[in-house]
Amino acid sequence: MLISICMCTYQRDHVVDTLRSIAALRLPEHVTLEVIVVDNDEHAYAEMLVKGQANVMDIPVYYRQETAKNIALARNCSINNTKGEWVAFIDDDEVADPDWLAQLLSTAQTFQADAVFGRVKSTYPSHTPQWIIDSGVFERPAVSNGQEVTSGATNSTLVSQAAIKKYQLKFDSDYGLTGGEDADFFYRLYQHGGKLVCSNEAYVSEEVASNRLNINYLLRRAVRIGETYTRYRIQQAPLANKLTYFTDVLIKLIILLFIVLVKLPFGQSKYAKPLLQLVDKYGKIKALFTTKTVKLYN
């Protein structure tokens, strides 16, 4: 069985460490790998980095370039170059646990899933503000093995090539500068009847980038996540559904505002998470009334 691992990169030296972690994966005897790295930099920043690491790996690594600055097009370039029965996704700032891919595959086979989402464990540089660590704003919710979901991300993921081809799935370039192209992609797989599950055993580690360790980035990201949710789930829905959605989100926003105000005197580590949840709800409502969106990849 061939598994194709896809990774997009943009001006990040860590891509070498990610490739090294892929080289160290422990796999079942019948599994072989190929790696497709797509450089989304018109100046080919990662070319020498990727090819230099590829030269010392036993796994074939293919370097490709997508010159248009658009993460969705870069992801399409990666899957267009895959030959495997399964397609795995990992980010260029992550390190895979040695059993990451074997656990994703085991979960997919056990639960007969079309896509499996592993965990991402956040680590922090030494200069990280303590309130960020204490608040857990970069921590992902706990999942159980085989838990079914309706969408997911491409940061620790395995998806069936047969499902991609059957439903002619592509990443939507309209999300190319905002992000959220992966959530939209997997939600469409779910709508086609695909089975999407979580793996509690498969994980990658990711050190949070220094430029994200601030409230301004977190607020922008929260707005964008809310906007994206509305865009791929609600914008094309009937008016009655939109009204129900608007009412539900507005009530939650008001409740969260009350929670933030109550926690405000106790410091940023206490109110940061509900504040970001509140801003997410604002993004959800905002996207009902305007097509202007936060662009995280400008």
Foldseek 3Di string as FASTA:
>chain_A
DEEEEEEEDELDLLLLQQVVLVLLADADPVYAYEYEYEYQDLVCNCVCSQVVSCVPGPHHYHYHYDPHQFVQVSVQVRLVPDDDQKYAYAYSQKHWDNHQVVQQVVLCVVLVFQKEAEAEAEDEDPPFPPLCVLLCLVHDDAFARFAWDQFDARNRMMGGPCLCVVVVFGFDRVCGQLDLSRRLRSNVSVVVPGTYGYGHPHYIYGYDDPVCRDLVNLLQNLLSLLQSVCVRPPQPDDPVVVVVVLVVLVVLLVVLVVLLVVCVVVDCSRNVNSVSVSSSSVSNNVNNPDPDGRGPRD
